[in-house]
Amino acid sequence: MQHVTLKNGVTMPILGFGVYRIPADQTERAVTQALEAGYRLLDTAAAYGNEEAVGHAIKNSGIPREDLFVTTKLWVQDAPAQDNTRRALETSLAKLGLDHVDLYLMHQPYGDVYGQWRAMEAANREGLTRAIGVANFYPDRLLDLILNNEITPAVNQIETHPFFQRGPDHALMRGHGVQHQAWGGFAEGKNDLFTHPVLSEIGEAHGRSVAQVVLRWLIQRDIVTIPKSVNPGRMAQNIDVFDFALTDGQMKQIAALDTGKTLFFDHHDPEMVAWLSKRRLGS
């Protein structure tokens, strides 16, 4: 497994296992199978409703805690955000059955961002999380947070796939030591990703699937990725991407697929801002 080193010196696998939209009653089995396949980075969130199942799989795996890299995420908190953030992290830790996580991300760039971040900085100093970061921050919001706080986010987890490649975001993050992490790497199959002629041709050239081509493309851009599957065969296939490399020409072919637009939702859309800002866990 290839690793990246975060700004604070913590090492993180470049490829992990995500559990977004895996129902809680299926999550423990899926995570167990992923760990058996060799995954050591696990990515969950309070908003996913399956932290407890992830924790059960970790506990029953027999894998030493220091060999795992566990990420969870903070949902938008009501004021006082600092107090609520601490409680939210403690709740996540209790559900996971852990005394710390390796990475704690602010899930959305809304609410009292600074109050939430100050509480996350405090948790980091106390050792409740080895690193802190954000998700879904566009460059302007990310830079504002960097310039006005003590700790620079170690990671920014954002929608990234062949049709929305995030070049400007990637450059800004690289310039400030923020690790780019992708969610939605397969674009959930939109734009016929799994049968796309360019990606299929590249896959055929290497004897690989389109999914493996996309994961390899992300890795060669130094982007951490967290593919999800409940199929053990696909889990094994997705982690088997470290013994081949895309050529410069193939990387350019994939670069040409970029539309520069989200395929899911726009964090600048007022309706989406309102919906995300008002949503509370359990409601």
Foldseek 3Di string as FASTA:
>chain_A
DDWDAFPVGDIDRLEAAECAPPDQVLVLVLLLLLVVLPGQEYEEEVQRVNLLSQLVNVVPNPDDPVSHAYEYEDAADAPVQLVVLVVRLVVSCVSNVHQAHAEYEHEALDHPNVSNVVSVVVCCVVRNYVFYAYEPDDPVSLVVDQVPDDDRHREYEYADELAAHNPVRLVSCVVVRHAYAYDCHQVVCPPVQQVDPLLCVQCVVVVAGSLLSSLLLCVVSRYRYHDYDSDSVVSNRNVPNPPDHDDPVSNVSSNVNYPNDDPPDDCVDVVVVVVSNPDDPPD
